[in-house]
Amino acid sequence: MKAYELLYINRNTLRIMSEMSLDASDIKYLGMYKDYTRLTAEGHKKAYIMQYLADEYSISERTIYRVIDRLSVDVSIQ
């Protein structure tokens, strides 16, 4: 498969991602976001969640806040 073919097949999804300023490299944070939503649903405090995720994924709390904000944006598919 050529790069053109991959882009052409996924053009609608990629267009939406581009319009929403979503970065495909954020897929590496999907597990972390899932853990965040689970811990939030369990009723843990945000400070505890951020510290836990920082330790678990070896990234800064500030990065976690930025990623959570980016992945929490509502996306309208039209």
Foldseek 3Di string as FASTA:
>chain_A
DDPVVVCVVCVLVVVQCVVLVHDPVLVVCPVLLVQVVVCVVVPDDPVVSLVVSCVVVVHHSVVVVVSNVSVVDDGDRD
